[in-house]
Amino acid sequence: MERITCMSLLLTAVVSSSARAPRQYHFVNQNLNWTEAQSYCREKYTDLVTISDIQEQNDIEQAIKRVNSNADRVWIGLKNSWIWSLGDPAFYTEQYRNWGSDQPGGDGDCVYMNCGNGQNCVNNHKGQWHDVDCSKIMPFICYNGEFSCK
């Protein structure tokens, strides 16, 4: 049996969900605003991460944990009227959301996920989503829509 290993300077986690092909998630430890993060992801990968269900949410949280990042929040691909950056309507089978309490709170048009790692983070908020001004800068999560070791 041939074994293929993909290595990346960025965190890469291959995730398989029953309804989708495996995806690669990339934690980018670079502080950008939401629009810059989206452009970066679209240039280098497919897009900012889209989270369709609790399994994907858990996989992304575990992937961030594995890189021992001290980031307490990361951009995800949710924006405006809470539409995913990924524009494919075929993707949406459920309206999975993981908002923190009192969220969205009208604080902005972009969404970050609380990682529960930073000094100012409370772990019981880990994984919850919060709206914030899109000009804030923070690390982010990209994904590749299909698995490839090129």
N, C-alpha and C. Protein backbone atom coordinates (compact mmCIF):
# COMPACT_ATOMS: atom_id res chain seq x y z
N MET A 1 0.84 -1.18 0.00
CA MET A 1 0.00 0.00 0.00
C MET A 1 0.88 1.24 0.00
N GLU A 2 0.64 2.09 -0.95
CA GLU A 2 1.44 3.30 -1.06
C GLU A 2 0.91 4.35 -0.11
N ARG A 3 1.81 5.02 0.56
CA ARG A 3 1.42 6.04 1.53
C ARG A 3 1.87 7.40 1.00
N ILE A 4 0.93 8.32 0.93
CA ILE A 4 1.22 9.67 0.46
C ILE A 4 1.04 10.61 1.63
N THR A 5 2.03 11.44 1.86
CA THR A 5 1.96 12.40 2.95
C THR A 5 2.08 13.80 2.39
N CYS A 6 1.16 14.64 2.75
CA CYS A 6 1.23 16.05 2.35
C CYS A 6 1.71 16.85 3.54
N MET A 7 2.68 17.70 3.32
CA MET A 7 3.16 18.56 4.39
C MET A 7 2.98 20.00 3.97
N SER A 8 2.72 20.85 4.91
CA SER A 8 2.53 22.26 4.63
C SER A 8 3.10 23.06 5.78
N LEU A 9 3.57 24.27 5.47
CA LEU A 9 4.03 25.15 6.54
C LEU A 9 2.84 25.63 7.36
N LEU A 10 1.68 25.64 6.75
CA LEU A 10 0.46 26.01 7.45
C LEU A 10 -0.18 24.74 7.98
N LEU A 11 -1.03 24.89 8.96
CA LEU A 11 -1.77 23.74 9.48
C LEU A 11 -2.64 23.17 8.37
N THR A 12 -2.58 21.90 8.18
CA THR A 12 -3.45 21.24 7.22
C THR A 12 -4.13 20.08 7.92
N ALA A 13 -5.43 20.07 7.87
CA ALA A 13 -6.19 18.97 8.44
C ALA A 13 -7.12 18.46 7.36
N VAL A 14 -7.05 17.20 7.07
CA VAL A 14 -7.94 16.60 6.08
C VAL A 14 -9.15 16.08 6.83
N VAL A 15 -10.30 16.52 6.41
CA VAL A 15 -11.53 16.19 7.10
C VAL A 15 -12.47 15.52 6.11
N SER A 16 -13.07 14.44 6.53
CA SER A 16 -14.02 13.75 5.67
C SER A 16 -15.39 13.76 6.32
N SER A 17 -16.35 14.29 5.62
CA SER A 17 -17.72 14.26 6.09
C SER A 17 -18.51 13.35 5.16
N SER A 18 -19.52 12.73 5.68
CA SER A 18 -20.23 11.72 4.91
C SER A 18 -20.80 12.27 3.61
N ALA A 19 -21.23 13.51 3.58
CA ALA A 19 -21.88 14.06 2.39
C ALA A 19 -20.92 14.79 1.46
N ARG A 20 -19.69 15.00 1.87
CA ARG A 20 -18.77 15.80 1.08
C ARG A 20 -17.45 15.08 0.88
N ALA A 21 -16.74 15.52 -0.14
CA ALA A 21 -15.38 15.03 -0.34
C ALA A 21 -14.50 15.62 0.77
N PRO A 22 -13.38 14.98 1.07
CA PRO A 22 -12.49 15.52 2.10
C PRO A 22 -12.03 16.94 1.77
N ARG A 23 -11.83 17.71 2.79
CA ARG A 23 -11.34 19.08 2.64
C ARG A 23 -10.04 19.23 3.39
N GLN A 24 -9.24 20.17 2.96
CA GLN A 24 -8.04 20.54 3.69
C GLN A 24 -8.31 21.90 4.32
N TYR A 25 -8.03 22.02 5.62
CA TYR A 25 -8.17 23.29 6.32
C TYR A 25 -6.79 23.84 6.60
N HIS A 26 -6.64 25.15 6.43
CA HIS A 26 -5.35 25.80 6.60
C HIS A 26 -5.50 26.96 7.58
N PHE A 27 -4.86 26.85 8.74
CA PHE A 27 -4.81 27.95 9.70
C PHE A 27 -3.70 28.88 9.23
N VAL A 28 -4.03 30.14 8.98
CA VAL A 28 -3.05 31.12 8.53
C VAL A 28 -2.81 32.09 9.68
N ASN A 29 -1.62 32.01 10.24
CA ASN A 29 -1.26 32.82 11.41
C ASN A 29 -0.72 34.17 10.95
N GLN A 30 -1.57 34.89 10.24
CA GLN A 30 -1.25 36.21 9.72
C GLN A 30 -2.45 37.09 10.03
N ASN A 31 -2.23 38.24 10.62
CA ASN A 31 -3.34 39.12 10.99
C ASN A 31 -3.76 39.99 9.81
N LEU A 32 -4.95 39.71 9.30
CA LEU A 32 -5.53 40.47 8.20
C LEU A 32 -6.97 40.82 8.54
N ASN A 33 -7.53 41.85 7.86
CA ASN A 33 -8.95 42.10 8.04
C ASN A 33 -9.73 41.06 7.23
N TRP A 34 -11.06 41.04 7.38
CA TRP A 34 -11.85 39.97 6.78
C TRP A 34 -11.70 39.93 5.26
N THR A 35 -11.78 41.09 4.61
CA THR A 35 -11.69 41.15 3.15
C THR A 35 -10.33 40.70 2.65
N GLU A 36 -9.26 41.11 3.34
CA GLU A 36 -7.91 40.67 2.97
C GLU A 36 -7.76 39.17 3.18
N ALA A 37 -8.32 38.66 4.27
CA ALA A 37 -8.26 37.22 4.55
C ALA A 37 -9.00 36.44 3.46
N GLN A 38 -10.16 36.92 3.07
CA GLN A 38 -10.91 36.26 2.01
C GLN A 38 -10.11 36.25 0.70
N SER A 39 -9.51 37.38 0.35
CA SER A 39 -8.70 37.45 -0.87
C SER A 39 -7.52 36.49 -0.82
N TYR A 40 -6.86 36.44 0.34
CA TYR A 40 -5.73 35.53 0.52
C TYR A 40 -6.18 34.09 0.30
N CYS A 41 -7.27 33.71 0.95
CA CYS A 41 -7.77 32.33 0.83
C CYS A 41 -8.17 32.00 -0.61
N ARG A 42 -8.80 32.94 -1.29
CA ARG A 42 -9.22 32.69 -2.67
C ARG A 42 -8.03 32.61 -3.62
N GLU A 43 -6.97 33.31 -3.30
CA GLU A 43 -5.77 33.26 -4.13
C GLU A 43 -4.99 31.97 -3.91
N LYS A 44 -4.84 31.57 -2.65
CA LYS A 44 -3.98 30.43 -2.31
C LYS A 44 -4.73 29.10 -2.21
N TYR A 45 -6.00 29.15 -1.86
CA TYR A 45 -6.79 27.94 -1.61
C TYR A 45 -8.12 28.06 -2.35
N THR A 46 -9.23 27.81 -1.67
CA THR A 46 -10.54 27.97 -2.28
C THR A 46 -11.25 29.19 -1.71
N ASP A 47 -11.34 29.29 -0.39
CA ASP A 47 -12.05 30.41 0.23
C ASP A 47 -11.82 30.36 1.74
N LEU A 48 -12.37 31.36 2.45
CA LEU A 48 -12.44 31.29 3.91
C LEU A 48 -13.31 30.09 4.27
N VAL A 49 -13.06 29.52 5.43
CA VAL A 49 -13.74 28.30 5.82
C VAL A 49 -15.26 28.50 5.92
N THR A 50 -15.97 27.49 5.46
CA THR A 50 -17.42 27.41 5.55
C THR A 50 -17.73 26.22 6.46
N ILE A 51 -18.54 26.45 7.48
CA ILE A 51 -18.82 25.41 8.47
C ILE A 51 -20.27 24.97 8.33
N SER A 52 -20.48 23.73 7.91
CA SER A 52 -21.83 23.28 7.59
C SER A 52 -22.51 22.50 8.70
N ASP A 53 -21.73 21.97 9.65
CA ASP A 53 -22.35 21.15 10.70
C ASP A 53 -21.41 21.06 11.90
N ILE A 54 -21.89 20.44 12.97
CA ILE A 54 -21.13 20.35 14.21
C ILE A 54 -19.86 19.54 14.02
N GLN A 55 -19.89 18.52 13.16
CA GLN A 55 -18.69 17.71 12.93
C GLN A 55 -17.58 18.56 12.31
N GLU A 56 -17.94 19.37 11.33
CA GLU A 56 -16.95 20.25 10.71
C GLU A 56 -16.43 21.27 11.72
N GLN A 57 -17.32 21.81 12.53
CA GLN A 57 -16.93 22.74 13.59
C GLN A 57 -15.90 22.09 14.51
N ASN A 58 -16.18 20.87 14.96
CA ASN A 58 -15.26 20.16 15.85
C ASN A 58 -13.93 19.86 15.17
N ASP A 59 -13.97 19.46 13.91
CA ASP A 59 -12.74 19.17 13.17
C ASP A 59 -11.86 20.42 13.07
N ILE A 60 -12.46 21.55 12.81
CA ILE A 60 -11.70 22.80 12.69
C ILE A 60 -11.11 23.19 14.05
N GLU A 61 -11.89 23.05 15.11
CA GLU A 61 -11.37 23.35 16.45
C GLU A 61 -10.18 22.46 16.79
N GLN A 62 -10.27 21.18 16.46
CA GLN A 62 -9.17 20.25 16.73
C GLN A 62 -7.94 20.60 15.89
N ALA A 63 -8.16 21.01 14.66
CA ALA A 63 -7.05 21.38 13.79
C ALA A 63 -6.31 22.59 14.35
N ILE A 64 -7.04 23.57 14.86
CA ILE A 64 -6.41 24.75 15.46
C ILE A 64 -5.64 24.34 16.71
N LYS A 65 -6.23 23.47 17.50
CA LYS A 65 -5.58 23.01 18.73
C LYS A 65 -4.26 22.30 18.43
N ARG A 66 -4.21 21.53 17.35
CA ARG A 66 -3.00 20.78 17.00
C ARG A 66 -1.81 21.66 16.67
N VAL A 67 -2.03 22.88 16.20
CA VAL A 67 -0.90 23.75 15.88
C VAL A 67 -0.44 24.56 17.09
N ASN A 68 -1.10 24.37 18.22
CA ASN A 68 -0.76 25.09 19.44
C ASN A 68 -0.74 26.60 19.23
N SER A 69 -1.67 27.08 18.44
CA SER A 69 -1.77 28.51 18.20
C SER A 69 -2.29 29.20 19.46
N ASN A 70 -1.78 30.39 19.73
CA ASN A 70 -2.31 31.15 20.86
C ASN A 70 -3.36 32.16 20.40
N ALA A 71 -3.81 32.02 19.15
CA ALA A 71 -4.86 32.90 18.64
C ALA A 71 -6.14 32.64 19.42
N ASP A 72 -6.78 33.72 19.86
CA ASP A 72 -8.03 33.53 20.59
C ASP A 72 -9.25 33.67 19.69
N ARG A 73 -9.05 34.13 18.46
CA ARG A 73 -10.15 34.24 17.51
C ARG A 73 -9.61 34.15 16.10
N VAL A 74 -10.43 33.61 15.19
CA VAL A 74 -10.06 33.49 13.78
C VAL A 74 -11.26 33.85 12.91
N TRP A 75 -10.95 34.49 11.77
CA TRP A 75 -12.01 34.78 10.81
C TRP A 75 -12.53 33.48 10.21
N ILE A 76 -13.86 33.42 10.01
CA ILE A 76 -14.48 32.37 9.22
C ILE A 76 -15.22 33.06 8.08
N GLY A 77 -15.74 32.30 7.14
CA GLY A 77 -16.30 32.88 5.92
C GLY A 77 -17.74 33.35 5.99
N LEU A 78 -18.21 33.78 7.13
CA LEU A 78 -19.58 34.25 7.28
C LEU A 78 -19.59 35.77 7.32
N LYS A 79 -20.51 36.39 6.55
CA LYS A 79 -20.51 37.85 6.44
C LYS A 79 -21.91 38.38 6.14
N ASN A 80 -22.10 39.67 6.37
CA ASN A 80 -23.31 40.43 6.04
C ASN A 80 -24.56 39.82 6.64
N SER A 81 -25.48 39.40 5.82
CA SER A 81 -26.73 38.82 6.31
C SER A 81 -26.52 37.36 6.69
N TRP A 82 -25.31 37.08 7.16
CA TRP A 82 -24.89 35.77 7.61
C TRP A 82 -24.97 34.75 6.47
N ILE A 83 -24.37 35.18 5.35
CA ILE A 83 -24.21 34.35 4.16
C ILE A 83 -22.76 33.91 4.11
N TRP A 84 -22.51 32.64 3.78
CA TRP A 84 -21.15 32.15 3.68
C TRP A 84 -20.45 32.74 2.47
N SER A 85 -19.15 32.94 2.61
CA SER A 85 -18.31 33.44 1.53
C SER A 85 -18.44 32.54 0.30
N LEU A 86 -18.55 31.24 0.53
CA LEU A 86 -18.78 30.28 -0.54
C LEU A 86 -20.17 30.55 -1.11
N GLY A 87 -20.26 30.87 -2.38
CA GLY A 87 -21.53 31.26 -2.96
C GLY A 87 -22.37 30.13 -3.53
N ASP A 88 -21.98 28.89 -3.36
CA ASP A 88 -22.66 27.75 -3.96
C ASP A 88 -23.89 27.35 -3.13
N PRO A 89 -25.11 27.61 -3.63
CA PRO A 89 -26.31 27.27 -2.85
C PRO A 89 -26.48 25.77 -2.65
N ALA A 90 -25.87 24.95 -3.50
CA ALA A 90 -25.96 23.49 -3.34
C ALA A 90 -25.27 23.03 -2.06
N PHE A 91 -24.38 23.85 -1.53
CA PHE A 91 -23.65 23.50 -0.30
C PHE A 91 -24.58 23.45 0.91
N TYR A 92 -25.59 24.30 0.92
CA TYR A 92 -26.39 24.49 2.12
C TYR A 92 -27.48 23.44 2.24
N THR A 93 -27.24 22.44 3.08
CA THR A 93 -28.28 21.45 3.35
C THR A 93 -28.97 21.76 4.66
N GLU A 94 -28.27 22.41 5.56
CA GLU A 94 -28.82 22.81 6.85
C GLU A 94 -28.32 24.21 7.14
N GLN A 95 -28.99 24.89 8.01
CA GLN A 95 -28.54 26.22 8.42
C GLN A 95 -27.83 26.11 9.76
N TYR A 96 -26.69 25.44 9.78
CA TYR A 96 -25.92 25.29 11.01
C TYR A 96 -25.37 26.64 11.44
N ARG A 97 -25.54 26.98 12.71
CA ARG A 97 -24.99 28.20 13.29
C ARG A 97 -24.51 27.87 14.70
N ASN A 98 -23.46 28.56 15.14
CA ASN A 98 -22.93 28.35 16.49
C ASN A 98 -22.65 29.70 17.14
N TRP A 99 -23.66 30.57 17.15
CA TRP A 99 -23.51 31.91 17.71
C TRP A 99 -23.30 31.85 19.21
N GLY A 100 -22.47 32.77 19.72
CA GLY A 100 -22.34 32.96 21.16
C GLY A 100 -23.62 33.58 21.69
N SER A 101 -23.77 33.62 23.01
CA SER A 101 -24.97 34.23 23.58
C SER A 101 -25.02 35.71 23.20
N ASP A 102 -26.22 36.20 22.95
CA ASP A 102 -26.45 37.58 22.52
C ASP A 102 -25.77 37.90 21.20
N GLN A 103 -25.58 36.90 20.35
CA GLN A 103 -24.98 37.10 19.03
C GLN A 103 -25.96 36.64 17.95
N PRO A 104 -25.95 37.19 16.76
CA PRO A 104 -25.14 38.35 16.42
C PRO A 104 -25.63 39.58 17.17
N GLY A 105 -24.67 40.39 17.57
CA GLY A 105 -24.98 41.53 18.42
C GLY A 105 -24.98 42.87 17.73
N GLY A 106 -24.87 42.87 16.40
CA GLY A 106 -24.87 44.14 15.67
C GLY A 106 -23.55 44.88 15.77
N ASP A 107 -22.47 44.16 16.10
CA ASP A 107 -21.16 44.79 16.26
C ASP A 107 -20.41 44.92 14.94
N GLY A 108 -20.90 44.30 13.88
CA GLY A 108 -20.24 44.37 12.58
C GLY A 108 -20.83 43.37 11.63
N ASP A 109 -20.30 43.36 10.41
CA ASP A 109 -20.83 42.51 9.35
C ASP A 109 -20.02 41.25 9.09
N CYS A 110 -18.96 41.03 9.85
CA CYS A 110 -18.12 39.85 9.64
C CYS A 110 -18.11 39.00 10.90
N VAL A 111 -17.70 37.73 10.74
CA VAL A 111 -17.82 36.78 11.84
C VAL A 111 -16.48 36.11 12.13
N TYR A 112 -16.16 36.02 13.43
CA TYR A 112 -14.99 35.26 13.86
C TYR A 112 -15.46 34.12 14.76
N MET A 113 -14.60 33.10 14.85
CA MET A 113 -14.84 31.98 15.75
C MET A 113 -13.89 32.12 16.93
N ASN A 114 -14.42 32.00 18.14
CA ASN A 114 -13.61 32.06 19.36
C ASN A 114 -12.87 30.74 19.51
N CYS A 115 -11.54 30.82 19.62
CA CYS A 115 -10.72 29.60 19.72
C CYS A 115 -10.47 29.17 21.15
N GLY A 116 -10.71 30.04 22.12
CA GLY A 116 -10.50 29.67 23.51
C GLY A 116 -9.05 29.52 23.91
N ASN A 117 -8.12 30.16 23.17
CA ASN A 117 -6.70 29.97 23.44
C ASN A 117 -6.01 31.17 24.07
N GLY A 118 -6.48 32.37 23.79
CA GLY A 118 -5.79 33.57 24.25
C GLY A 118 -6.03 33.90 25.70
N GLN A 119 -5.29 34.85 26.21
CA GLN A 119 -5.39 35.26 27.61
C GLN A 119 -6.77 35.82 27.93
N ASN A 120 -7.40 36.48 26.97
CA ASN A 120 -8.68 37.12 27.22
C ASN A 120 -9.86 36.21 26.90
N CYS A 121 -9.58 34.95 26.61
CA CYS A 121 -10.65 34.02 26.22
C CYS A 121 -11.14 33.22 27.41
N VAL A 122 -12.40 32.98 27.41
CA VAL A 122 -13.00 32.09 28.39
C VAL A 122 -13.32 30.80 27.65
N ASN A 123 -12.80 29.67 28.12
CA ASN A 123 -12.94 28.42 27.38
C ASN A 123 -14.38 27.98 27.17
N ASN A 124 -15.31 28.43 28.01
CA ASN A 124 -16.70 28.02 27.77
C ASN A 124 -17.31 28.73 26.56
N HIS A 125 -16.59 29.67 25.96
CA HIS A 125 -17.03 30.32 24.73
C HIS A 125 -16.31 29.75 23.51
N LYS A 126 -15.48 28.73 23.71
CA LYS A 126 -14.70 28.15 22.63
C LYS A 126 -15.61 27.65 21.51
N GLY A 127 -15.25 28.02 20.29
CA GLY A 127 -16.00 27.59 19.12
C GLY A 127 -17.20 28.45 18.77
N GLN A 128 -17.58 29.36 19.65
CA GLN A 128 -18.74 30.19 19.38
C GLN A 128 -18.39 31.29 18.38
N TRP A 129 -19.41 31.72 17.65
CA TRP A 129 -19.24 32.74 16.62
C TRP A 129 -19.71 34.09 17.13
N HIS A 130 -19.02 35.13 16.68
CA HIS A 130 -19.34 36.50 17.10
C HIS A 130 -19.22 37.43 15.90
N ASP A 131 -20.14 38.39 15.81
CA ASP A 131 -20.01 39.39 14.75
C ASP A 131 -19.12 40.52 15.23
N VAL A 132 -18.41 41.12 14.29
CA VAL A 132 -17.45 42.18 14.62
C VAL A 132 -17.21 43.00 13.36
N ASP A 133 -16.67 44.19 13.53
CA ASP A 133 -16.32 45.05 12.41
C ASP A 133 -15.31 44.34 11.50
N CYS A 134 -15.54 44.39 10.21
CA CYS A 134 -14.70 43.68 9.23
C CYS A 134 -13.28 44.22 9.14
N SER A 135 -13.03 45.41 9.69
CA SER A 135 -11.69 46.00 9.61
C SER A 135 -10.76 45.49 10.72
N LYS A 136 -11.30 44.76 11.69
CA LYS A 136 -10.44 44.16 12.73
C LYS A 136 -9.47 43.21 12.05
N ILE A 137 -8.29 43.04 12.65
CA ILE A 137 -7.33 42.10 12.07
C ILE A 137 -7.14 40.91 13.00
N MET A 138 -7.04 39.73 12.39
CA MET A 138 -6.83 38.49 13.15
C MET A 138 -6.43 37.38 12.18
N PRO A 139 -5.91 36.26 12.71
CA PRO A 139 -5.63 35.10 11.86
C PRO A 139 -6.94 34.54 11.29
N PHE A 140 -6.83 33.56 10.42
CA PHE A 140 -8.02 33.04 9.75
C PHE A 140 -7.82 31.61 9.31
N ILE A 141 -8.92 30.98 8.89
CA ILE A 141 -8.92 29.60 8.42
C ILE A 141 -9.39 29.57 6.97
N CYS A 142 -8.57 28.97 6.10
CA CYS A 142 -8.94 28.76 4.70
C CYS A 142 -9.23 27.27 4.50
N TYR A 143 -9.81 26.96 3.37
CA TYR A 143 -9.98 25.55 3.02
C TYR A 143 -9.74 25.35 1.53
N ASN A 144 -9.39 24.13 1.18
CA ASN A 144 -9.36 23.68 -0.21
C ASN A 144 -10.61 22.84 -0.41
N GLY A 145 -11.32 23.10 -1.48
CA GLY A 145 -12.56 22.38 -1.75
C GLY A 145 -12.37 20.94 -2.13
N GLU A 146 -11.19 20.59 -2.58
CA GLU A 146 -10.92 19.19 -2.91
C GLU A 146 -9.54 18.83 -2.44
N PHE A 147 -9.36 17.57 -2.13
CA PHE A 147 -8.08 17.09 -1.61
C PHE A 147 -7.08 16.94 -2.74
N SER A 148 -5.90 17.50 -2.55
CA SER A 148 -4.85 17.39 -3.56
C SER A 148 -3.50 17.49 -2.89
N CYS A 149 -2.54 16.70 -3.36
CA CYS A 149 -1.18 16.73 -2.82
C CYS A 149 -0.22 17.25 -3.87
N LYS A 150 -0.63 18.19 -4.67
CA LYS A 150 0.23 18.74 -5.73
C LYS A 150 1.30 19.62 -5.15
